[in-house]
Amino acid sequence: MTIAEFDRWARSCLKIDEMAGKDYSLNGLQVGDSTTEIKKIAFAVDGVKAVFDQAAKEGANLLFVHHGLFWGREQALTGVHYHRVASLIKNDVALYAVHLPLDMDMELGNNIGLARRLGLENVEPFGDFRGKKIGCMGSLPQAARPEDLVMRLFGGWTPDVRMLDFGPDEVKTVAMISGGAPDDVAQAIELGADLYITGESKHSVYHLCKEAGINVIYGGHYRTETDGVLSVKKKVENELGLETVYIDIPSGY
């Protein structure tokens, strides 16, 4: 399979074209020759030099990431940006990035992955961004304490997991947007959610959450965005039969 053929497959699975002009990320092939035959695909959350170097060590010639290198503006190939691109070119590793289409997908996405880990029922898209819903919302089959849901999601408390316990002691309705979406708690409040889950916290929403009486779990940007790339990895193995590897380099945020 060539990278061009992989690109067509990825676009058939994820709403990459639908998010063109809405997502800040340049989704799709960012670096590489589309005619190259794929030997092995590496999967990771972040497109950074440590991941690029590890992908080369693993023998991958295509790297699929959630956070790529290009974010809606021209950027000179100097400094850190140069060394990242140079690592890819030197080692002949192509870079393929999928940002919001991987957050919002209701089969393979980051948010549906979190919802499945929680065991949510009646899951629907949630969280408007430029006319598209990029998160999801559902209900627990039985009410649960937010701290118990932290265990269910992340296996325990670590420095990158925080909680605002301003809502009911036991929660039923849960809304979530993975990654960096602290301001979107306002949408969860409007819909009457008991708990909102995202990756990053923000000072300016603290009192909003307190006054509205909603619980919030901040699970870390990285921790809330591993499900998507892992789901695509599994689908690639099952449908395309390609060799894959997952590169796990958490940031602690």
Protein backbone atom coordinates (compact mmCIF):
# COMPACT_ATOMS: atom_id res chain seq x y z
CA MET A 1 0.00 0.00 0.00
CA THR A 2 1.30 3.48 -0.87
CA ILE A 3 0.90 6.54 1.33
CA ALA A 4 -1.55 7.95 -1.24
CA GLU A 5 -3.68 4.81 -0.90
CA PHE A 6 -3.50 5.08 2.88
CA ASP A 7 -4.63 8.70 2.61
CA ARG A 8 -7.71 7.66 0.63
CA TRP A 9 -8.47 4.96 3.21
CA ALA A 10 -8.07 7.42 6.12
CA ARG A 11 -10.36 9.96 4.45
CA SER A 12 -12.99 7.23 3.99
CA CYS A 13 -12.85 6.48 7.73
CA LEU A 14 -12.52 9.97 9.19
CA LYS A 15 -14.20 13.27 8.29
CA ILE A 16 -10.97 14.92 7.17
CA ASP A 17 -12.40 16.71 4.13
CA GLU A 18 -15.50 17.80 6.07
CA MET A 19 -13.31 19.69 8.55
CA ALA A 20 -11.23 21.48 5.92
CA GLY A 21 -11.37 25.21 6.64
CA LYS A 22 -12.69 24.61 10.15
CA ASP A 23 -9.76 22.84 11.81
CA TYR A 24 -6.61 24.86 12.42
CA SER A 25 -4.55 21.76 11.69
CA LEU A 26 -3.39 20.88 8.19
CA ASN A 27 -4.94 17.41 8.26
CA GLY A 28 -3.58 14.67 6.05
CA LEU A 29 -0.07 14.13 4.74
CA GLN A 30 2.14 16.92 6.09
CA VAL A 31 5.62 15.66 5.18
CA GLY A 32 6.56 12.90 2.75
CA ASP A 33 6.24 11.38 -0.73
CA SER A 34 2.74 10.05 -1.35
CA THR A 35 4.04 7.43 -3.82
CA THR A 36 6.12 5.68 -1.11
CA GLU A 37 5.22 2.08 -0.25
CA ILE A 38 4.41 1.73 3.44
CA LYS A 39 6.63 -0.69 5.36
CA LYS A 40 5.46 0.03 8.90
CA ILE A 41 3.23 2.68 10.49
CA ALA A 42 3.98 4.28 13.85
CA PHE A 43 1.20 5.92 15.87
CA ALA A 44 1.61 8.67 18.47
CA VAL A 45 -0.25 11.60 19.97
CA ASP A 46 2.32 14.32 19.27
CA GLY A 47 4.41 15.21 16.25
CA VAL A 48 7.64 16.10 18.05
CA LYS A 49 11.31 15.24 17.50
CA ALA A 50 11.46 12.55 20.21
CA VAL A 51 8.56 10.75 18.50
CA PHE A 52 10.07 11.24 15.03
CA ASP A 53 13.42 9.80 16.13
CA GLN A 54 11.73 6.84 17.83
CA ALA A 55 9.61 6.12 14.77
CA ALA A 56 12.79 5.87 12.71
CA LYS A 57 14.38 3.53 15.28
CA GLU A 58 11.28 1.34 15.10
CA GLY A 59 11.68 1.04 11.33
CA ALA A 60 8.49 2.93 10.49
CA ASN A 61 8.35 5.00 7.32
CA LEU A 62 4.93 6.54 8.07
CA LEU A 63 3.93 8.22 11.33
CA PHE A 64 0.28 8.92 12.16
CA VAL A 65 -0.23 11.59 14.85
CA HIS A 66 -3.03 13.64 16.39
CA HIS A 67 -0.95 16.81 16.75
CA GLY A 68 1.04 17.55 13.61
CA LEU A 69 3.46 20.31 12.63
CA PHE A 70 1.32 22.79 10.69
CA TRP A 71 -1.45 24.86 12.26
CA GLY A 72 -2.99 27.20 9.71
CA ARG A 73 -0.10 29.59 9.20
CA GLU A 74 3.21 29.72 7.41
CA GLN A 75 6.18 28.90 9.61
CA ALA A 76 9.83 29.29 8.62
CA LEU A 77 11.91 26.11 8.72
CA THR A 78 14.26 27.36 11.42
CA GLY A 79 15.09 26.45 15.02
CA VAL A 80 13.07 23.65 16.60
CA HIS A 81 10.70 23.47 13.61
CA TYR A 82 13.66 22.90 11.27
CA HIS A 83 15.11 20.10 13.39
CA ARG A 84 11.75 18.35 13.57
CA VAL A 85 11.27 18.42 9.81
CA ALA A 86 14.92 17.53 9.26
CA SER A 87 14.53 14.41 11.41
CA LEU A 88 11.61 13.24 9.26
CA ILE A 89 13.39 13.91 5.96
CA LYS A 90 16.75 12.49 7.08
CA ASN A 91 15.13 9.24 8.21
CA ASP A 92 12.60 9.14 5.35
CA VAL A 93 9.62 9.07 7.73
CA ALA A 94 6.40 10.56 6.35
CA LEU A 95 4.09 12.46 8.72
CA TYR A 96 0.30 12.13 8.61
CA ALA A 97 -1.77 14.23 11.04
CA VAL A 98 -5.45 14.11 11.96
CA HIS A 99 -6.65 16.59 14.57
CA LEU A 100 -10.34 17.45 15.08
CA PRO A 101 -11.65 14.67 12.80
CA LEU A 102 -10.05 12.26 15.28
CA ASP A 103 -11.58 14.01 18.28
CA MET A 104 -15.10 14.00 16.88
CA ASP A 105 -15.37 10.59 15.21
CA MET A 106 -18.06 8.48 16.85
CA GLU A 107 -16.31 5.20 16.07
CA LEU A 108 -12.58 5.90 16.32
CA GLY A 109 -12.36 9.23 18.15
CA ASN A 110 -10.80 10.36 21.39
CA ASN A 111 -14.10 11.33 22.99
CA ILE A 112 -16.03 8.19 22.12
CA GLY A 113 -13.06 6.29 23.52
CA LEU A 114 -13.43 8.08 26.85
CA ALA A 115 -17.18 7.48 26.76
CA ARG A 116 -16.65 3.76 26.25
CA ARG A 117 -14.21 3.58 29.13
CA LEU A 118 -16.86 5.16 31.34
CA GLY A 119 -19.57 2.88 30.01
CA LEU A 120 -21.80 5.77 28.94
CA GLU A 121 -25.17 5.08 27.35
CA ASN A 122 -27.23 7.15 24.88
CA VAL A 123 -24.06 8.85 23.65
CA GLU A 124 -24.53 11.79 21.29
CA PRO A 125 -22.22 14.41 19.74
CA PHE A 126 -21.60 17.45 21.98
CA GLY A 127 -19.54 20.61 21.95
CA ASP A 128 -19.98 23.03 19.05
CA PHE A 129 -16.84 24.23 17.25
CA ARG A 130 -17.42 26.26 14.08
CA GLY A 131 -20.70 24.49 13.46
CA LYS A 132 -19.41 20.96 14.15
CA LYS A 133 -19.69 18.97 17.36
CA ILE A 134 -16.29 17.63 18.38
CA GLY A 135 -17.03 15.98 21.77
CA CYS A 136 -19.75 13.72 23.08
CA MET A 137 -22.25 13.45 25.92
CA GLY A 138 -24.12 10.57 27.52
CA SER A 139 -25.39 9.08 30.74
CA LEU A 140 -24.03 6.52 33.16
CA PRO A 141 -26.16 3.41 33.67
CA GLN A 142 -25.80 4.03 37.41
CA ALA A 143 -24.87 7.25 39.19
CA ALA A 144 -21.23 7.30 40.33
CA ARG A 145 -18.88 9.48 42.31
CA PRO A 146 -16.57 11.61 40.12
CA GLU A 147 -13.49 10.30 41.94
CA ASP A 148 -14.50 6.75 41.01
CA LEU A 149 -14.72 7.81 37.39
CA VAL A 150 -11.14 9.10 37.61
CA MET A 151 -10.11 5.57 38.54
CA ARG A 152 -12.14 4.16 35.66
CA LEU A 153 -10.61 6.55 33.14
CA PHE A 154 -7.02 6.89 34.26
CA GLY A 155 -6.39 4.20 36.84
CA GLY A 156 -5.80 6.69 39.63
CA TRP A 157 -4.65 10.16 40.56
CA THR A 158 -1.46 11.52 39.00
CA PRO A 159 -0.09 15.09 38.87
CA ASP A 160 -1.78 15.70 35.49
CA VAL A 161 -5.26 14.73 36.76
CA ARG A 162 -7.26 17.35 38.68
CA MET A 163 -10.88 17.79 39.67
CA LEU A 164 -13.29 20.56 40.61
CA ASP A 165 -15.90 18.98 42.89
CA PHE A 166 -18.54 21.70 42.68
CA GLY A 167 -21.44 19.51 41.54
CA PRO A 168 -23.47 16.62 42.93
CA ASP A 169 -21.70 13.93 44.96
CA GLU A 170 -22.88 11.35 42.43
CA VAL A 171 -23.12 12.12 38.72
CA LYS A 172 -25.27 10.71 35.96
CA THR A 173 -24.91 12.95 32.88
CA VAL A 174 -21.38 13.41 31.50
CA ALA A 175 -20.13 15.68 28.72
CA MET A 176 -16.58 15.70 27.36
CA ILE A 177 -14.21 17.30 24.88
CA SER A 178 -10.71 15.85 24.91
CA GLY A 179 -7.56 17.97 24.94
CA GLY A 180 -7.66 21.71 25.54
CA ALA A 181 -11.31 22.73 25.87
CA PRO A 182 -11.78 24.29 29.32
CA ASP A 183 -14.06 27.08 28.10
CA ASP A 184 -16.55 24.61 26.64
CA VAL A 185 -17.68 23.72 30.15
CA ALA A 186 -20.19 26.52 29.49
CA GLN A 187 -21.92 24.30 26.92
CA ALA A 188 -22.04 21.43 29.43
CA ILE A 189 -23.57 23.75 32.03
CA GLU A 190 -26.19 24.93 29.54
CA LEU A 191 -27.22 21.32 28.86
CA GLY A 192 -27.41 20.43 32.55
CA ALA A 193 -24.50 17.98 32.72
CA ASP A 194 -23.40 16.80 36.15
CA LEU A 195 -19.79 16.33 35.04
CA TYR A 196 -17.59 17.79 32.33
CA ILE A 197 -14.33 16.13 31.26
CA THR A 198 -11.51 17.73 29.31
CA GLY A 199 -7.72 17.74 29.30
CA GLU A 200 -6.59 21.18 30.43
CA SER A 201 -7.76 23.52 33.17
CA LYS A 202 -8.01 27.30 33.09
CA HIS A 203 -8.16 29.90 35.83
CA SER A 204 -10.98 31.91 34.26
CA VAL A 205 -13.52 29.05 34.38
CA TYR A 206 -12.99 28.17 38.07
CA HIS A 207 -15.69 30.46 39.46
CA LEU A 208 -18.03 29.74 36.55
CA CYS A 209 -17.94 26.04 37.47
CA LYS A 210 -18.33 26.79 41.17
CA GLU A 211 -21.29 29.11 40.71
CA ALA A 212 -22.98 26.78 38.22
CA GLY A 213 -22.47 23.76 40.47
CA ILE A 214 -20.78 21.40 38.00
CA ASN A 215 -18.04 18.85 38.56
CA VAL A 216 -15.06 18.94 36.21
CA ILE A 217 -12.30 16.40 35.65
CA TYR A 218 -9.13 17.65 33.98
CA GLY A 219 -7.39 14.49 32.82
CA GLY A 220 -4.41 16.02 31.04
CA HIS A 221 -4.27 16.94 27.36
CA TYR A 222 -2.14 13.91 26.51
CA ARG A 223 -4.06 11.37 28.60
CA THR A 224 -7.41 12.34 27.09
CA GLU A 225 -6.13 12.01 23.52
CA THR A 226 -4.59 8.54 23.30
CA ASP A 227 -7.76 6.63 22.42
CA GLY A 228 -8.04 7.97 18.89
CA VAL A 229 -4.62 7.01 17.58
CA LEU A 230 -4.87 3.62 19.29
CA SER A 231 -8.26 2.98 17.66
CA VAL A 232 -6.90 3.87 14.21
CA LYS A 233 -3.87 1.66 14.87
CA LYS A 234 -6.14 -1.31 15.59
CA LYS A 235 -8.26 -0.61 12.51
CA VAL A 236 -5.14 -0.44 10.32
CA GLU A 237 -4.00 -3.82 11.63
CA ASN A 238 -7.42 -5.42 11.13
CA GLU A 239 -8.35 -3.91 7.76
CA LEU A 240 -5.05 -3.20 6.04
CA GLY A 241 -2.82 -5.86 7.59
CA LEU A 242 0.08 -3.43 7.98
CA GLU A 243 2.70 -3.69 10.71
CA THR A 244 2.26 -1.00 13.37
CA VAL A 245 3.85 0.32 16.55
CA TYR A 246 2.59 2.76 19.20
CA ILE A 247 5.01 5.37 20.55
CA ASP A 248 3.96 6.56 24.01
CA ILE A 249 5.75 9.73 25.14
CA PRO A 250 3.46 11.48 27.65
CA SER A 251 4.03 15.12 28.51
CA GLY A 252 2.49 15.08 31.99
CA TYR A 253 0.02 17.77 30.86
